[in-house]
Amino acid sequence: MIKLIEGEAKYLDEYKEAYYQSMKKCAEGLIKKHDLMFVNPDEVDIIKQMKDNRDISKLKPGYVPSYEYFIVDEDKFIGKVNIRTQLTPRLLQYGGNIGYAIHPKYWNMGYGTKALKLALKKAVKIGLKNKVLITCDEDNVGSYKIIEKCGGILENKVKNKEKEEEFLTRRYWINL
């Protein structure tokens, strides 16, 4: 059964595999660098970072508290979810309240939809009210289909730029 859990050390090897496979997908052009949610586990203590991201006193200026969870199915690491409790002007343009990443070996197996549904329930439990913003790149068909399956209503599409990369972002609102 799929669920969202606090970070656990026993999943770090699979997390690492997800990171490196995602980097390979970046090199192949299937994931854009600005969309990469997995961070290098050789450079960062993932579990500590997940806890620290909830504490505003430990965040860089301009960052908002976020709740990160591992997505697991039985005893398999499937991916991760990030729920941001506030929206900055930047997050209103790109990022939104909820982000999710699925280990590439589990793509196209329905995990993204299940994970987003769980994230929406979790968002309510951690105090988000009314609606949440979820964004994705215009060319990320898999992601926008997931968002639409979960009740996402497209508000608009906006141009964004990350470093030298320009891209069009789809902005969806989902009522909680």
C-alpha atoms as a PDB file:
ATOM      1  CA  MET A   1       0.000   0.000   0.000  1.00  0.00           C
ATOM      2  CA  ILE A   2       1.347   3.408  -0.969  1.00  0.00           C
ATOM      3  CA  LYS A   3       1.851   5.964   1.810  1.00  0.00           C
ATOM      4  CA  LEU A   4       3.774   9.093   2.742  1.00  0.00           C
ATOM      5  CA  ILE A   5       6.259   8.697   5.589  1.00  0.00           C
ATOM      6  CA  GLU A   6       8.904  10.700   7.395  1.00  0.00           C
ATOM      7  CA  GLY A   7      12.381  10.143   5.956  1.00  0.00           C
ATOM      8  CA  GLU A   8      13.960   6.878   7.090  1.00  0.00           C
ATOM      9  CA  ALA A   9      17.579   5.816   6.714  1.00  0.00           C
ATOM     10  CA  LYS A  10      16.598   2.394   5.370  1.00  0.00           C
ATOM     11  CA  TYR A  11      15.390   4.065   2.136  1.00  0.00           C
ATOM     12  CA  LEU A  12      18.510   6.143   1.488  1.00  0.00           C
ATOM     13  CA  ASP A  13      20.106   3.643  -0.914  1.00  0.00           C
ATOM     14  CA  GLU A  14      16.964   3.698  -3.059  1.00  0.00           C
ATOM     15  CA  TYR A  15      16.814   7.491  -2.756  1.00  0.00           C
ATOM     16  CA  LYS A  16      20.387   7.641  -4.022  1.00  0.00           C
ATOM     17  CA  GLU A  17      19.462   5.385  -6.946  1.00  0.00           C
ATOM     18  CA  ALA A  18      16.498   7.678  -7.732  1.00  0.00           C
ATOM     19  CA  TYR A  19      18.810  10.706  -7.680  1.00  0.00           C
ATOM     20  CA  TYR A  20      21.331   9.168 -10.085  1.00  0.00           C
ATOM     21  CA  GLN A  21      18.670   7.798 -12.435  1.00  0.00           C
ATOM     22  CA  SER A  22      17.004  11.227 -12.435  1.00  0.00           C
ATOM     23  CA  MET A  23      20.344  12.859 -13.284  1.00  0.00           C
ATOM     24  CA  LYS A  24      20.635  10.418 -16.187  1.00  0.00           C
ATOM     25  CA  LYS A  25      17.139  11.428 -17.331  1.00  0.00           C
ATOM     26  CA  CYS A  26      18.297  15.079 -17.161  1.00  0.00           C
ATOM     27  CA  ALA A  27      21.223  14.237 -19.432  1.00  0.00           C
ATOM     28  CA  GLU A  28      18.783  12.540 -21.829  1.00  0.00           C
ATOM     29  CA  GLY A  29      16.538  15.621 -21.805  1.00  0.00           C
ATOM     30  CA  LEU A  30      13.628  13.824 -20.124  1.00  0.00           C
ATOM     31  CA  ILE A  31      13.831  15.898 -16.925  1.00  0.00           C
ATOM     32  CA  LYS A  32      14.881  19.527 -16.785  1.00  0.00           C
ATOM     33  CA  LYS A  33      17.433  20.513 -14.147  1.00  0.00           C
ATOM     34  CA  HIS A  34      15.020  23.030 -12.621  1.00  0.00           C
ATOM     35  CA  ASP A  35      12.521  20.199 -12.057  1.00  0.00           C
ATOM     36  CA  LEU A  36      14.929  17.895 -10.238  1.00  0.00           C
ATOM     37  CA  MET A  37      13.571  17.400  -6.704  1.00  0.00           C
ATOM     38  CA  PHE A  38      16.024  14.766  -5.582  1.00  0.00           C
ATOM     39  CA  VAL A  39      19.194  16.265  -4.103  1.00  0.00           C
ATOM     40  CA  ASN A  40      22.597  14.608  -4.129  1.00  0.00           C
ATOM     41  CA  PRO A  41      22.636  12.321  -1.072  1.00  0.00           C
ATOM     42  CA  ASP A  42      26.443  12.256  -1.184  1.00  0.00           C
ATOM     43  CA  GLU A  43      26.456  15.998  -0.435  1.00  0.00           C
ATOM     44  CA  VAL A  44      23.450  16.429   1.853  1.00  0.00           C
ATOM     45  CA  ASP A  45      22.080  14.605   4.903  1.00  0.00           C
ATOM     46  CA  ILE A  46      18.650  14.024   3.369  1.00  0.00           C
ATOM     47  CA  ILE A  47      16.801  13.162   6.569  1.00  0.00           C
ATOM     48  CA  LYS A  48      18.264  16.108   8.488  1.00  0.00           C
ATOM     49  CA  GLN A  49      17.412  18.428   5.594  1.00  0.00           C
ATOM     50  CA  MET A  50      13.816  17.151   5.558  1.00  0.00           C
ATOM     51  CA  LYS A  51      13.484  18.011   9.269  1.00  0.00           C
ATOM     52  CA  ASP A  52      15.301  21.347   8.976  1.00  0.00           C
ATOM     53  CA  ASN A  53      13.049  22.464   6.104  1.00  0.00           C
ATOM     54  CA  ARG A  54      10.138  22.614   8.550  1.00  0.00           C
ATOM     55  CA  ASP A  55      11.942  25.083  10.836  1.00  0.00           C
ATOM     56  CA  ILE A  56      11.870  28.651   9.515  1.00  0.00           C
ATOM     57  CA  SER A  57      14.866  29.581  11.690  1.00  0.00           C
ATOM     58  CA  LYS A  58      17.018  27.098   9.729  1.00  0.00           C
ATOM     59  CA  LEU A  59      15.993  28.283   6.254  1.00  0.00           C
ATOM     60  CA  LYS A  60      17.790  30.610   3.892  1.00  0.00           C
ATOM     61  CA  PRO A  61      16.170  34.033   3.442  1.00  0.00           C
ATOM     62  CA  GLY A  62      13.267  33.861   1.014  1.00  0.00           C
ATOM     63  CA  TYR A  63      12.556  30.178   1.707  1.00  0.00           C
ATOM     64  CA  VAL A  64       9.338  28.960   3.324  1.00  0.00           C
ATOM     65  CA  PRO A  65       8.768  26.017   5.651  1.00  0.00           C
ATOM     66  CA  SER A  66       8.008  22.777   3.867  1.00  0.00           C
ATOM     67  CA  TYR A  67       7.069  19.254   4.830  1.00  0.00           C
ATOM     68  CA  GLU A  68       8.856  16.572   2.856  1.00  0.00           C
ATOM     69  CA  TYR A  69       7.857  12.930   2.849  1.00  0.00           C
ATOM     70  CA  PHE A  70       9.106   9.779   1.247  1.00  0.00           C
ATOM     71  CA  ILE A  71       6.584   7.980  -0.931  1.00  0.00           C
ATOM     72  CA  VAL A  72       6.772   4.257  -0.212  1.00  0.00           C
ATOM     73  CA  ASP A  73       4.833   1.228  -1.404  1.00  0.00           C
ATOM     74  CA  GLU A  74       5.170  -1.695   0.972  1.00  0.00           C
ATOM     75  CA  ASP A  75       8.941  -1.565   1.439  1.00  0.00           C
ATOM     76  CA  LYS A  76       9.930   0.184  -1.817  1.00  0.00           C
ATOM     77  CA  PHE A  77      11.029   3.799  -2.082  1.00  0.00           C
ATOM     78  CA  ILE A  78       8.891   5.343  -4.835  1.00  0.00           C
ATOM     79  CA  GLY A  79       9.747   9.027  -4.576  1.00  0.00           C
ATOM     80  CA  LYS A  80       9.189  12.127  -2.503  1.00  0.00           C
ATOM     81  CA  VAL A  81       6.610  14.831  -1.917  1.00  0.00           C
ATOM     82  CA  ASN A  82       7.194  18.399  -0.789  1.00  0.00           C
ATOM     83  CA  ILE A  83       4.392  20.517   0.727  1.00  0.00           C
ATOM     84  CA  ARG A  84       5.179  24.201   1.161  1.00  0.00           C
ATOM     85  CA  THR A  85       3.072  26.006   3.741  1.00  0.00           C
ATOM     86  CA  GLN A  86       3.307  29.462   2.147  1.00  0.00           C
ATOM     87  CA  LEU A  87       3.650  30.982  -1.295  1.00  0.00           C
ATOM     88  CA  THR A  88       6.278  33.590  -2.091  1.00  0.00           C
ATOM     89  CA  PRO A  89       6.042  35.646  -5.283  1.00  0.00           C
ATOM     90  CA  ARG A  90       8.510  33.165  -6.857  1.00  0.00           C
ATOM     91  CA  LEU A  91       6.499  30.109  -5.748  1.00  0.00           C
ATOM     92  CA  LEU A  92       3.373  31.731  -7.204  1.00  0.00           C
ATOM     93  CA  GLN A  93       5.142  31.745 -10.563  1.00  0.00           C
ATOM     94  CA  TYR A  94       6.803  28.361 -10.331  1.00  0.00           C
ATOM     95  CA  GLY A  95       6.790  25.687  -7.644  1.00  0.00           C
ATOM     96  CA  GLY A  96       3.491  26.209  -5.872  1.00  0.00           C
ATOM     97  CA  ASN A  97       2.517  24.518  -2.631  1.00  0.00           C
ATOM     98  CA  ILE A  98       3.106  20.912  -3.641  1.00  0.00           C
ATOM     99  CA  GLY A  99       5.841  19.208  -5.609  1.00  0.00           C
ATOM    100  CA  TYR A 100       6.446  15.522  -6.161  1.00  0.00           C
ATOM    101  CA  ALA A 101       9.079  13.348  -7.769  1.00  0.00           C
ATOM    102  CA  ILE A 102       8.806   9.698  -8.708  1.00  0.00           C
ATOM    103  CA  HIS A 103      11.834   7.419  -9.033  1.00  0.00           C
ATOM    104  CA  PRO A 104      12.246   6.979 -12.813  1.00  0.00           C
ATOM    105  CA  LYS A 105      11.971   3.194 -12.573  1.00  0.00           C
ATOM    106  CA  TYR A 106       8.386   3.689 -11.332  1.00  0.00           C
ATOM    107  CA  TRP A 107       7.266   6.188 -13.977  1.00  0.00           C
ATOM    108  CA  ASN A 108       3.966   5.462 -15.767  1.00  0.00           C
ATOM    109  CA  MET A 109       2.738   3.110 -13.065  1.00  0.00           C
ATOM    110  CA  GLY A 110       0.143   5.404 -11.437  1.00  0.00           C
ATOM    111  CA  TYR A 111       2.305   6.375  -8.478  1.00  0.00           C
ATOM    112  CA  GLY A 112       2.286  10.102  -9.268  1.00  0.00           C
ATOM    113  CA  THR A 113      -1.506  10.299  -9.080  1.00  0.00           C
ATOM    114  CA  LYS A 114      -1.650   8.278  -5.871  1.00  0.00           C
ATOM    115  CA  ALA A 115       1.142  10.343  -4.306  1.00  0.00           C
ATOM    116  CA  LEU A 116      -0.516  13.657  -5.176  1.00  0.00           C
ATOM    117  CA  LYS A 117      -3.850  12.486  -3.716  1.00  0.00           C
ATOM    118  CA  LEU A 118      -2.030  11.583  -0.490  1.00  0.00           C
ATOM    119  CA  ALA A 119      -0.178  14.915  -0.513  1.00  0.00           C
ATOM    120  CA  LEU A 120      -3.476  16.802  -0.797  1.00  0.00           C
ATOM    121  CA  LYS A 121      -4.807  15.003   2.291  1.00  0.00           C
ATOM    122  CA  LYS A 122      -1.541  15.670   4.125  1.00  0.00           C
ATOM    123  CA  ALA A 123      -1.706  19.371   3.149  1.00  0.00           C
ATOM    124  CA  VAL A 124      -5.020  19.676   4.982  1.00  0.00           C
ATOM    125  CA  LYS A 125      -3.584  17.919   8.060  1.00  0.00           C
ATOM    126  CA  ILE A 126      -0.632  20.318   8.242  1.00  0.00           C
ATOM    127  CA  GLY A 127      -2.909  23.338   8.035  1.00  0.00           C
ATOM    128  CA  LEU A 128      -3.360  24.404   4.422  1.00  0.00           C
ATOM    129  CA  LYS A 129      -6.895  25.564   3.771  1.00  0.00           C
ATOM    130  CA  ASN A 130      -9.165  26.156   0.790  1.00  0.00           C
ATOM    131  CA  LYS A 131      -6.838  25.490  -2.152  1.00  0.00           C
ATOM    132  CA  VAL A 132      -3.261  24.755  -3.185  1.00  0.00           C
ATOM    133  CA  LEU A 133      -1.188  25.754  -6.181  1.00  0.00           C
ATOM    134  CA  ILE A 134       0.639  23.117  -8.187  1.00  0.00           C
ATOM    135  CA  THR A 135       2.773  23.936 -11.204  1.00  0.00           C
ATOM    136  CA  CYS A 136       4.508  21.994 -13.931  1.00  0.00           C
ATOM    137  CA  ASP A 137       6.270  22.702 -17.186  1.00  0.00           C
ATOM    138  CA  GLU A 138       4.101  23.024 -20.277  1.00  0.00           C
ATOM    139  CA  ASP A 139       5.877  20.074 -21.896  1.00  0.00           C
ATOM    140  CA  ASN A 140       5.543  17.772 -18.852  1.00  0.00           C
ATOM    141  CA  VAL A 141       2.452  15.955 -20.111  1.00  0.00           C
ATOM    142  CA  GLY A 142       2.666  13.226 -17.453  1.00  0.00           C
ATOM    143  CA  SER A 143       2.659  15.756 -14.638  1.00  0.00           C
ATOM    144  CA  TYR A 144      -0.185  17.905 -15.896  1.00  0.00           C
ATOM    145  CA  LYS A 145      -2.325  14.816 -16.502  1.00  0.00           C
ATOM    146  CA  ILE A 146      -1.711  13.814 -12.869  1.00  0.00           C
ATOM    147  CA  ILE A 147      -2.650  17.294 -11.638  1.00  0.00           C
ATOM    148  CA  GLU A 148      -5.818  17.329 -13.761  1.00  0.00           C
ATOM    149  CA  LYS A 149      -6.815  13.826 -12.546  1.00  0.00           C
ATOM    150  CA  CYS A 150      -6.551  15.141  -9.002  1.00  0.00           C
ATOM    151  CA  GLY A 151      -8.878  18.070  -9.655  1.00  0.00           C
ATOM    152  CA  GLY A 152      -6.426  20.702 -10.858  1.00  0.00           C
ATOM    153  CA  ILE A 153      -7.986  23.670 -12.623  1.00  0.00           C
ATOM    154  CA  LEU A 154      -5.619  25.445 -14.997  1.00  0.00           C
ATOM    155  CA  GLU A 155      -5.460  29.150 -14.153  1.00  0.00           C
ATOM    156  CA  ASN A 156      -2.888  30.190 -16.719  1.00  0.00           C
ATOM    157  CA  LYS A 157       0.514  29.601 -18.277  1.00  0.00           C
ATOM    158  CA  VAL A 158       3.431  31.873 -17.424  1.00  0.00           C
ATOM    159  CA  LYS A 159       6.942  32.306 -18.775  1.00  0.00           C
ATOM    160  CA  ASN A 160       9.742  31.499 -16.355  1.00  0.00           C
ATOM    161  CA  LYS A 161      13.503  31.524 -16.441  1.00  0.00           C
ATOM    162  CA  GLU A 162      15.879  29.477 -14.303  1.00  0.00           C
ATOM    163  CA  LYS A 163      19.513  30.383 -14.884  1.00  0.00           C
ATOM    164  CA  GLU A 164      19.697  30.501 -18.698  1.00  0.00           C
ATOM    165  CA  GLU A 165      16.771  28.159 -19.262  1.00  0.00           C
ATOM    166  CA  GLU A 166      13.413  29.624 -20.294  1.00  0.00           C
ATOM    167  CA  PHE A 167      10.255  27.568 -19.988  1.00  0.00           C
ATOM    168  CA  LEU A 168       6.485  27.869 -19.891  1.00  0.00           C
ATOM    169  CA  THR A 169       4.780  26.913 -16.629  1.00  0.00           C
ATOM    170  CA  ARG A 170       1.234  25.642 -16.232  1.00  0.00           C
ATOM    171  CA  ARG A 171      -0.349  26.904 -12.966  1.00  0.00           C
ATOM    172  CA  TYR A 172      -3.132  24.801 -11.430  1.00  0.00           C
ATOM    173  CA  TRP A 173      -5.278  25.303  -8.359  1.00  0.00           C
ATOM    174  CA  ILE A 174      -6.812  22.377  -6.491  1.00  0.00           C
ATOM    175  CA  ASN A 175      -9.565  22.887  -3.921  1.00  0.00           C
ATOM    176  CA  LEU A 176      -8.958  21.078  -0.652  1.00  0.00           C
END
